[in-house]
PDB file of N, CA and C in Angstrom:
ATOM      1  N   MET A   1     105.868  90.835  94.322  1.00  0.00           N
ATOM      2  CA  MET A   1     107.013  91.614  94.048  1.00  0.00           C
ATOM      3  C   MET A   1     106.564  92.682  93.070  1.00  0.00           C
ATOM      4  N   ILE A   2     107.089  93.727  93.272  1.00  0.00           N
ATOM      5  CA  ILE A   2     106.966  95.155  92.510  1.00  0.00           C
ATOM      6  C   ILE A   2     107.907  95.082  91.307  1.00  0.00           C
ATOM      7  N   ASN A   3     107.413  95.385  90.081  1.00  0.00           N
ATOM      8  CA  ASN A   3     108.116  95.704  89.085  1.00  0.00           C
ATOM      9  C   ASN A   3     107.912  97.037  88.327  1.00  0.00           C
ATOM     10  N   LYS A   4     108.726  97.412  87.431  1.00  0.00           N
ATOM     11  CA  LYS A   4     108.408  98.820  86.697  1.00  0.00           C
ATOM     12  C   LYS A   4     107.025  98.974  86.249  1.00  0.00           C
ATOM     13  N   GLU A   5     106.547  97.820  85.850  1.00  0.00           N
ATOM     14  CA  GLU A   5     105.017  98.064  85.396  1.00  0.00           C
ATOM     15  C   GLU A   5     104.095  98.192  86.110  1.00  0.00           C
ATOM     16  N   THR A   6     104.184  97.696  87.610  1.00  0.00           N
ATOM     17  CA  THR A   6     103.414  98.204  88.814  1.00  0.00           C
ATOM     18  C   THR A   6     103.554  99.563  89.064  1.00  0.00           C
ATOM     19  N   ILE A   7     104.980  99.950  89.010  1.00  0.00           N
ATOM     20  CA  ILE A   7     105.333 101.688  89.178  1.00  0.00           C
ATOM     21  C   ILE A   7     104.668 102.598  88.098  1.00  0.00           C
ATOM     22  N   ASP A   8     104.490 101.975  86.719  1.00  0.00           N
ATOM     23  CA  ASP A   8     103.925 102.539  85.794  1.00  0.00           C
ATOM     24  C   ASP A   8     102.603 102.699  85.996  1.00  0.00           C
ATOM     25  N   ARG A   9     101.836 101.596  86.568  1.00  0.00           N
ATOM     26  CA  ARG A   9     100.641 101.783  86.773  1.00  0.00           C
ATOM     27  C   ARG A   9     100.003 102.620  87.963  1.00  0.00           C
ATOM     28  N   ILE A  10     100.930 102.602  89.139  1.00  0.00           N
ATOM     29  CA  ILE A  10     100.900 103.579  90.220  1.00  0.00           C
ATOM     30  C   ILE A  10     101.071 105.152  89.706  1.00  0.00           C
ATOM     31  N   CYS A  11     102.063 105.240  88.950  1.00  0.00           N
ATOM     32  CA  CYS A  11     102.296 106.662  88.361  1.00  0.00           C
ATOM     33  C   CYS A  11     100.864 106.799  87.610  1.00  0.00           C
ATOM     34  N   ASP A  12     100.321 106.220  86.721  1.00  0.00           N
ATOM     35  CA  ASP A  12      99.287 106.489  85.890  1.00  0.00           C
ATOM     36  C   ASP A  12      98.138 106.914  86.886  1.00  0.00           C
ATOM     37  N   MET A  13      97.827 106.175  87.866  1.00  0.00           N
ATOM     38  CA  MET A  13      96.710 106.209  88.579  1.00  0.00           C
ATOM     39  C   MET A  13      96.984 107.708  89.443  1.00  0.00           C
ATOM     40  N   ALA A  14      98.134 107.840  89.835  1.00  0.00           N
ATOM     41  CA  ALA A  14      98.461 109.183  90.470  1.00  0.00           C
ATOM     42  C   ALA A  14      98.607 110.315  89.597  1.00  0.00           C
ATOM     43  N   ARG A  15      98.839 110.247  88.407  1.00  0.00           N
ATOM     44  CA  ARG A  15      98.867 111.090  87.301  1.00  0.00           C
ATOM     45  C   ARG A  15     100.440 111.810  87.648  1.00  0.00           C
ATOM     46  N   LEU A  16     101.335 110.815  87.745  1.00  0.00           N
ATOM     47  CA  LEU A  16     102.916 111.203  88.071  1.00  0.00           C
ATOM     48  C   LEU A  16     103.417 111.034  86.830  1.00  0.00           C
ATOM     49  N   GLU A  17     104.543 111.845  86.570  1.00  0.00           N
ATOM     50  CA  GLU A  17     105.575 111.524  85.233  1.00  0.00           C
ATOM     51  C   GLU A  17     106.936 111.293  86.299  1.00  0.00           C
ATOM     52  N   ILE A  18     107.410 110.338  85.954  1.00  0.00           N
ATOM     53  CA  ILE A  18     109.101 110.417  86.762  1.00  0.00           C
ATOM     54  C   ILE A  18     110.031 109.572  85.835  1.00  0.00           C
ATOM     55  N   SER A  19     111.220 109.586  85.981  1.00  0.00           N
ATOM     56  CA  SER A  19     112.092 109.228  84.884  1.00  0.00           C
ATOM     57  C   SER A  19     112.335 107.841  85.147  1.00  0.00           C
ATOM     58  N   GLU A  20     113.027 106.950  83.938  1.00  0.00           N
ATOM     59  CA  GLU A  20     113.265 105.606  84.202  1.00  0.00           C
ATOM     60  C   GLU A  20     113.876 105.479  85.484  1.00  0.00           C
ATOM     61  N   ASN A  21     115.104 106.362  85.833  1.00  0.00           N
ATOM     62  CA  ASN A  21     115.998 105.959  86.589  1.00  0.00           C
ATOM     63  C   ASN A  21     115.252 106.002  88.054  1.00  0.00           C
ATOM     64  N   ASP A  22     114.455 107.241  88.308  1.00  0.00           N
ATOM     65  CA  ASP A  22     113.365 107.079  89.629  1.00  0.00           C
ATOM     66  C   ASP A  22     112.749 105.834  89.565  1.00  0.00           C
ATOM     67  N   LYS A  23     112.348 105.254  88.605  1.00  0.00           N
ATOM     68  CA  LYS A  23     111.377 104.175  88.585  1.00  0.00           C
ATOM     69  C   LYS A  23     112.180 102.926  89.053  1.00  0.00           C
ATOM     70  N   ASP A  24     113.410 102.846  88.653  1.00  0.00           N
ATOM     71  CA  ASP A  24     114.405 101.580  89.190  1.00  0.00           C
ATOM     72  C   ASP A  24     114.381 101.929  90.844  1.00  0.00           C
ATOM     73  N   LYS A  25     114.668 103.006  91.270  1.00  0.00           N
ATOM     74  CA  LYS A  25     114.815 103.435  92.440  1.00  0.00           C
ATOM     75  C   LYS A  25     113.608 102.769  93.329  1.00  0.00           C
ATOM     76  N   PHE A  26     112.630 103.095  92.605  1.00  0.00           N
ATOM     77  CA  PHE A  26     111.135 102.984  93.451  1.00  0.00           C
ATOM     78  C   PHE A  26     110.895 101.589  93.503  1.00  0.00           C
ATOM     79  N   VAL A  27     111.192 101.004  92.317  1.00  0.00           N
ATOM     80  CA  VAL A  27     111.183  99.313  92.385  1.00  0.00           C
ATOM     81  C   VAL A  27     111.866  98.829  93.692  1.00  0.00           C
ATOM     82  N   GLY A  28     112.995  99.093  93.961  1.00  0.00           N
ATOM     83  CA  GLY A  28     113.870  98.601  94.850  1.00  0.00           C
ATOM     84  C   GLY A  28     113.236  99.074  96.367  1.00  0.00           C
ATOM     85  N   GLN A  29     112.872 100.317  96.562  1.00  0.00           N
ATOM     86  CA  GLN A  29     112.219 100.839  97.846  1.00  0.00           C
ATOM     87  C   GLN A  29     110.880 100.280  98.078  1.00  0.00           C
ATOM     88  N   MET A  30     110.110  99.915  97.088  1.00  0.00           N
ATOM     89  CA  MET A  30     108.736  99.509  97.221  1.00  0.00           C
ATOM     90  C   MET A  30     108.868  97.901  97.938  1.00  0.00           C
ATOM     91  N   ASN A  31     109.883  97.097  97.282  1.00  0.00           N
ATOM     92  CA  ASN A  31     110.108  96.013  97.515  1.00  0.00           C
ATOM     93  C   ASN A  31     110.707  95.879  98.720  1.00  0.00           C
ATOM     94  N   ASP A  32     111.430  96.880  99.325  1.00  0.00           N
ATOM     95  CA  ASP A  32     112.110  96.941 100.544  1.00  0.00           C
ATOM     96  C   ASP A  32     110.771  97.025 101.749  1.00  0.00           C
ATOM     97  N   ILE A  33     109.665  97.907 101.273  1.00  0.00           N
ATOM     98  CA  ILE A  33     108.737  98.305 102.179  1.00  0.00           C
ATOM     99  C   ILE A  33     107.861  97.114 102.308  1.00  0.00           C
ATOM    100  N   LEU A  34     107.607  96.388 101.183  1.00  0.00           N
ATOM    101  CA  LEU A  34     106.750  95.158 101.400  1.00  0.00           C
ATOM    102  C   LEU A  34     107.528  93.863 102.208  1.00  0.00           C
ATOM    103  N   GLY A  35     108.835  93.808 101.914  1.00  0.00           N
ATOM    104  CA  GLY A  35     109.702  92.987 102.753  1.00  0.00           C
ATOM    105  C   GLY A  35     109.488  93.235 104.235  1.00  0.00           C
ATOM    106  N   TYR A  36     109.521  94.575 104.547  1.00  0.00           N
ATOM    107  CA  TYR A  36     108.974  94.854 106.009  1.00  0.00           C
ATOM    108  C   TYR A  36     107.950  94.652 106.394  1.00  0.00           C
ATOM    109  N   VAL A  37     106.935  94.560 105.836  1.00  0.00           N
ATOM    110  CA  VAL A  37     105.737  94.358 106.248  1.00  0.00           C
ATOM    111  C   VAL A  37     105.344  93.041 106.495  1.00  0.00           C
ATOM    112  N   GLU A  38     105.843  92.125 105.297  1.00  0.00           N
ATOM    113  CA  GLU A  38     105.944  90.641 105.511  1.00  0.00           C
ATOM    114  C   GLU A  38     106.434  90.217 106.835  1.00  0.00           C
ATOM    115  N   SER A  39     107.669  91.078 107.108  1.00  0.00           N
ATOM    116  CA  SER A  39     108.306  90.391 108.411  1.00  0.00           C
ATOM    117  C   SER A  39     107.338  90.808 109.605  1.00  0.00           C
ATOM    118  N   VAL A  40     106.974  92.112 109.816  1.00  0.00           N
ATOM    119  CA  VAL A  40     105.954  92.316 110.580  1.00  0.00           C
ATOM    120  C   VAL A  40     104.673  91.493 110.806  1.00  0.00           C
ATOM    121  N   ALA A  41     104.410  90.938 109.781  1.00  0.00           N
ATOM    122  CA  ALA A  41     102.951  90.218 109.347  1.00  0.00           C
ATOM    123  C   ALA A  41     103.378  88.795 110.064  1.00  0.00           C
ATOM    124  N   LYS A  42     104.346  88.335 110.132  1.00  0.00           N
ATOM    125  CA  LYS A  42     104.973  87.342 110.629  1.00  0.00           C
ATOM    126  C   LYS A  42     105.040  87.112 112.317  1.00  0.00           C
ATOM    127  N   LEU A  43     105.052  88.177 112.865  1.00  0.00           N
ATOM    128  CA  LEU A  43     105.295  88.380 114.500  1.00  0.00           C
ATOM    129  C   LEU A  43     104.054  87.698 115.192  1.00  0.00           C
ATOM    130  N   ASP A  44     104.560  86.982 116.336  1.00  0.00           N
ATOM    131  CA  ASP A  44     103.470  86.357 116.844  1.00  0.00           C
ATOM    132  C   ASP A  44     102.598  87.596 118.057  1.00  0.00           C
ATOM    133  N   THR A  45     101.718  87.708 117.653  1.00  0.00           N
ATOM    134  CA  THR A  45     100.818  88.664 118.600  1.00  0.00           C
ATOM    135  C   THR A  45      99.804  87.940 119.459  1.00  0.00           C
ATOM    136  N   SER A  46      99.700  86.885 119.589  1.00  0.00           N
ATOM    137  CA  SER A  46      98.798  86.061 120.375  1.00  0.00           C
ATOM    138  C   SER A  46      98.886  86.343 121.768  1.00  0.00           C
ATOM    139  N   SER A  47      99.925  87.035 122.520  1.00  0.00           N
ATOM    140  CA  SER A  47      99.805  87.234 123.838  1.00  0.00           C
ATOM    141  C   SER A  47      99.319  88.450 124.118  1.00  0.00           C
ATOM    142  N   VAL A  48      99.220  89.501 123.007  1.00  0.00           N
ATOM    143  CA  VAL A  48      98.783  91.030 122.999  1.00  0.00           C
ATOM    144  C   VAL A  48      97.275  90.805 122.886  1.00  0.00           C
ATOM    145  N   GLY A  49      96.649  91.423 123.937  1.00  0.00           N
ATOM    146  CA  GLY A  49      95.475  91.612 124.040  1.00  0.00           C
ATOM    147  C   GLY A  49      94.657  92.920 123.180  1.00  0.00           C
ATOM    148  N   ASP A  50      93.718  92.675 122.823  1.00  0.00           N
ATOM    149  CA  ASP A  50      92.773  93.825 122.111  1.00  0.00           C
ATOM    150  C   ASP A  50      92.730  95.093 122.717  1.00  0.00           C
ATOM    151  N   ARG A  51      93.117  96.283 122.282  1.00  0.00           N
ATOM    152  CA  ARG A  51      92.733  97.466 122.920  1.00  0.00           C
ATOM    153  C   ARG A  51      92.082  98.367 122.279  1.00  0.00           C
ATOM    154  N   GLU A  52      91.149  99.050 122.924  1.00  0.00           N
ATOM    155  CA  GLU A  52      90.569 100.484 121.838  1.00  0.00           C
ATOM    156  C   GLU A  52      91.572 101.555 122.058  1.00  0.00           C
ATOM    157  N   SER A  53      92.364 101.680 122.922  1.00  0.00           N
ATOM    158  CA  SER A  53      93.220 102.842 123.138  1.00  0.00           C
ATOM    159  C   SER A  53      94.537 102.395 123.591  1.00  0.00           C
ATOM    160  N   VAL A  54      95.538 103.005 123.431  1.00  0.00           N
ATOM    161  CA  VAL A  54      96.956 102.899 124.351  1.00  0.00           C
ATOM    162  C   VAL A  54      96.979 103.281 125.538  1.00  0.00           C
ATOM    163  N   PHE A  55      96.052 104.284 125.989  1.00  0.00           N
ATOM    164  CA  PHE A  55      96.010 104.927 127.005  1.00  0.00           C
ATOM    165  C   PHE A  55      94.714 104.251 128.172  1.00  0.00           C
ATOM    166  N   ASP A  56      95.249 104.072 129.341  1.00  0.00           N
ATOM    167  CA  ASP A  56      94.455 103.506 130.316  1.00  0.00           C
ATOM    168  C   ASP A  56      93.366 104.487 130.768  1.00  0.00           C
ATOM    169  N   GLU A  57      93.345 105.784 130.721  1.00  0.00           N
ATOM    170  CA  GLU A  57      92.166 106.579 131.268  1.00  0.00           C
ATOM    171  C   GLU A  57      90.823 106.392 130.049  1.00  0.00           C
ATOM    172  N   LYS A  58      89.755 106.420 130.895  1.00  0.00           N
ATOM    173  CA  LYS A  58      88.534 106.359 130.447  1.00  0.00           C
ATOM    174  C   LYS A  58      87.740 107.412 130.676  1.00  0.00           C
ATOM    175  N   ASN A  59      87.084 108.196 129.789  1.00  0.00           N
ATOM    176  CA  ASN A  59      86.244 109.341 130.046  1.00  0.00           C
ATOM    177  C   ASN A  59      86.612 110.359 130.800  1.00  0.00           C
ATOM    178  N   VAL A  60      88.023 111.127 130.392  1.00  0.00           N
ATOM    179  CA  VAL A  60      88.516 111.816 131.272  1.00  0.00           C
ATOM    180  C   VAL A  60      87.912 113.643 131.365  1.00  0.00           C
ATOM    181  N   ILE A  61      86.564 113.533 130.412  1.00  0.00           N
ATOM    182  CA  ILE A  61      86.074 114.972 130.289  1.00  0.00           C
ATOM    183  C   ILE A  61      85.087 114.953 131.668  1.00  0.00           C
ATOM    184  N   ASP A  62      85.483 116.534 131.984  1.00  0.00           N
ATOM    185  CA  ASP A  62      84.786 117.063 133.153  1.00  0.00           C
ATOM    186  C   ASP A  62      83.532 116.890 133.164  1.00  0.00           C
ATOM    187  N   GLU A  63      82.502 116.988 134.177  1.00  0.00           N
ATOM    188  CA  GLU A  63      81.273 116.869 134.091  1.00  0.00           C
ATOM    189  C   GLU A  63      80.741 118.315 133.917  1.00  0.00           C
ATOM    190  N   ASP A  64      79.497 118.505 133.271  1.00  0.00           N
ATOM    191  CA  ASP A  64      79.075 120.026 132.749  1.00  0.00           C
ATOM    192  C   ASP A  64      78.617 120.597 134.253  1.00  0.00           C
ATOM    193  N   GLU A  65      78.831 121.784 134.444  1.00  0.00           N
ATOM    194  CA  GLU A  65      78.514 122.395 135.720  1.00  0.00           C
ATOM    195  C   GLU A  65      77.542 123.668 135.376  1.00  0.00           C
ATOM    196  N   ILE A  66      76.435 123.654 135.956  1.00  0.00           N
ATOM    197  CA  ILE A  66      75.557 124.815 135.736  1.00  0.00           C
ATOM    198  C   ILE A  66      76.133 126.195 136.669  1.00  0.00           C
ATOM    199  N   ALA A  67      76.579 127.115 136.081  1.00  0.00           N
ATOM    200  CA  ALA A  67      76.802 128.189 136.675  1.00  0.00           C
ATOM    201  C   ALA A  67      75.984 129.685 136.535  1.00  0.00           C
ATOM    202  N   THR A  68      75.899 130.611 137.395  1.00  0.00           N
ATOM    203  CA  THR A  68      75.167 131.697 137.219  1.00  0.00           C
ATOM    204  C   THR A  68      76.091 132.683 136.274  1.00  0.00           C
ATOM    205  N   GLY A  69      75.393 133.155 135.326  1.00  0.00           N
ATOM    206  CA  GLY A  69      76.277 134.313 134.364  1.00  0.00           C
ATOM    207  C   GLY A  69      75.822 135.543 134.955  1.00  0.00           C
ATOM    208  N   LEU A  70      76.233 136.511 134.016  1.00  0.00           N
ATOM    209  CA  LEU A  70      75.878 137.984 133.941  1.00  0.00           C
ATOM    210  C   LEU A  70      74.556 138.270 133.713  1.00  0.00           C
ATOM    211  N   SER A  71      74.064 139.008 134.458  1.00  0.00           N
ATOM    212  CA  SER A  71      72.542 139.710 133.929  1.00  0.00           C
ATOM    213  C   SER A  71      72.648 140.817 133.049  1.00  0.00           C
ATOM    214  N   ALA A  72      71.591 140.888 132.499  1.00  0.00           N
ATOM    215  CA  ALA A  72      71.357 141.930 131.286  1.00  0.00           C
ATOM    216  C   ALA A  72      72.038 143.275 131.778  1.00  0.00           C
ATOM    217  N   SER A  73      71.822 143.803 132.938  1.00  0.00           N
ATOM    218  CA  SER A  73      72.314 144.934 133.497  1.00  0.00           C
ATOM    219  C   SER A  73      73.676 145.076 133.612  1.00  0.00           C
ATOM    220  N   GLN A  74      74.073 143.916 134.168  1.00  0.00           N
ATOM    221  CA  GLN A  74      75.738 143.802 134.014  1.00  0.00           C
ATOM    222  C   GLN A  74      76.183 143.700 132.894  1.00  0.00           C
ATOM    223  N   LEU A  75      75.665 142.997 131.818  1.00  0.00           N
ATOM    224  CA  LEU A  75      76.244 143.014 130.549  1.00  0.00           C
ATOM    225  C   LEU A  75      76.337 144.702 129.666  1.00  0.00           C
ATOM    226  N   ARG A  76      75.373 145.306 129.962  1.00  0.00           N
ATOM    227  CA  ARG A  76      75.302 146.589 129.567  1.00  0.00           C
ATOM    228  C   ARG A  76      76.480 147.268 129.857  1.00  0.00           C
ATOM    229  N   LYS A  77      77.120 147.055 130.707  1.00  0.00           N
ATOM    230  CA  LYS A  77      78.423 147.821 131.192  1.00  0.00           C
ATOM    231  C   LYS A  77      79.521 147.683 130.109  1.00  0.00           C
ATOM    232  N   PHE A  78      79.485 146.796 129.313  1.00  0.00           N
ATOM    233  CA  PHE A  78      80.522 146.041 128.459  1.00  0.00           C
ATOM    234  C   PHE A  78      80.514 147.049 127.100  1.00  0.00           C
ATOM    235  N   THR A  79      79.311 147.458 126.802  1.00  0.00           N
ATOM    236  CA  THR A  79      78.867 148.100 125.531  1.00  0.00           C
ATOM    237  C   THR A  79      77.825 149.395 125.604  1.00  0.00           C
ATOM    238  N   LYS A  80      78.261 150.189 124.401  1.00  0.00           N
ATOM    239  CA  LYS A  80      77.433 151.268 124.307  1.00  0.00           C
ATOM    240  C   LYS A  80      76.269 151.037 123.194  1.00  0.00           C
ATOM    241  N   ASN A  81      76.543 149.687 122.707  1.00  0.00           N
ATOM    242  CA  ASN A  81      75.316 149.358 121.405  1.00  0.00           C
ATOM    243  C   ASN A  81      74.145 148.562 122.167  1.00  0.00           C
ATOM    244  N   TYR A  82      73.661 148.794 123.028  1.00  0.00           N
ATOM    245  CA  TYR A  82      72.570 147.788 123.746  1.00  0.00           C
ATOM    246  C   TYR A  82      71.454 148.512 123.259  1.00  0.00           C
ATOM    247  N   LEU A  83      70.475 147.753 122.604  1.00  0.00           N
ATOM    248  CA  LEU A  83      69.038 148.271 122.376  1.00  0.00           C
ATOM    249  C   LEU A  83      68.182 147.140 122.428  1.00  0.00           C
ATOM    250  N   ASP A  84      66.869 147.436 123.173  1.00  0.00           N
ATOM    251  CA  ASP A  84      65.998 146.390 123.184  1.00  0.00           C
ATOM    252  C   ASP A  84      66.229 145.108 123.464  1.00  0.00           C
ATOM    253  N   GLY A  85      67.212 144.855 124.568  1.00  0.00           N
ATOM    254  CA  GLY A  85      67.752 143.712 124.746  1.00  0.00           C
ATOM    255  C   GLY A  85      68.686 142.868 123.962  1.00  0.00           C
ATOM    256  N   TYR A  86      69.138 143.602 122.759  1.00  0.00           N
ATOM    257  CA  TYR A  86      70.182 143.024 121.909  1.00  0.00           C
ATOM    258  C   TYR A  86      71.581 144.007 121.832  1.00  0.00           C
ATOM    259  N   TYR A  87      72.554 143.289 121.429  1.00  0.00           N
ATOM    260  CA  TYR A  87      73.753 143.871 121.402  1.00  0.00           C
ATOM    261  C   TYR A  87      73.790 144.118 119.655  1.00  0.00           C
ATOM    262  N   ALA A  88      74.223 145.563 119.531  1.00  0.00           N
ATOM    263  CA  ALA A  88      74.311 145.759 118.129  1.00  0.00           C
ATOM    264  C   ALA A  88      75.981 145.657 117.730  1.00  0.00           C
ATOM    265  N   VAL A  89      76.379 144.972 116.699  1.00  0.00           N
ATOM    266  CA  VAL A  89      77.713 144.576 116.271  1.00  0.00           C
ATOM    267  C   VAL A  89      78.189 145.230 115.264  1.00  0.00           C
ATOM    268  N   PRO A  90      79.312 145.584 114.590  1.00  0.00           N
ATOM    269  CA  PRO A  90      80.113 145.982 113.744  1.00  0.00           C
ATOM    270  C   PRO A  90      79.545 145.009 112.554  1.00  0.00           C
ATOM    271  N   LYS A  91      79.059 145.620 111.236  1.00  0.00           N
ATOM    272  CA  LYS A  91      78.892 144.993 110.149  1.00  0.00           C
ATOM    273  C   LYS A  91      80.128 144.233 109.677  1.00  0.00           C
ATOM    274  N   ILE A  92      80.200 143.035 109.240  1.00  0.00           N
ATOM    275  CA  ILE A  92      81.433 142.154 108.764  1.00  0.00           C
ATOM    276  C   ILE A  92      81.271 141.762 107.192  1.00  0.00           C
ATOM    277  N   LEU A  93      80.159 141.614 106.896  1.00  0.00           N
ATOM    278  CA  LEU A  93      79.693 141.152 105.393  1.00  0.00           C
ATOM    279  C   LEU A  93      79.454 142.090 104.727  1.00  0.00           C
ATOM    280  N   ASN A  94      79.778 142.339 103.156  1.00  0.00           N
ATOM    281  CA  ASN A  94      79.684 142.995 102.347  1.00  0.00           C
ATOM    282  C   ASN A  94      78.655 142.293 101.292  1.00  0.00           C
ATOM    283  N   LYS A  95      77.898 143.174 100.522  1.00  0.00           N
ATOM    284  CA  LYS A  95      77.131 142.374  99.413  1.00  0.00           C
ATOM    285  C   LYS A  95      78.007 142.359  98.235  1.00  0.00           C
ATOM    286  N   GLY A  96      78.204 141.392  97.451  1.00  0.00           N
ATOM    287  CA  GLY A  96      79.061 140.903  96.636  1.00  0.00           C
ATOM    288  C   GLY A  96      80.365 140.832  96.833  1.00  0.00           C
TER     289      GLY A  96
END
């Protein structure tokens, strides 16, 4: 059961400052949450099988396919800054 001292310790660990009125409210809310968790824990789940996922699909990733790309001469059409097999790009980093 949660009490004010527990709320004080939680607030201390989280470095929170809350009013006494809020502490009273949190005591009630935390006890409600714990009560709900206890009721869920009592549910009979013996008929439910273990699952890795809620989805039935397995490995829906497409296979990699090798395709031919553009040749160097075709790529040169897209830029004016082609020199010795490399593309010159604008400078984006400055010193300092």
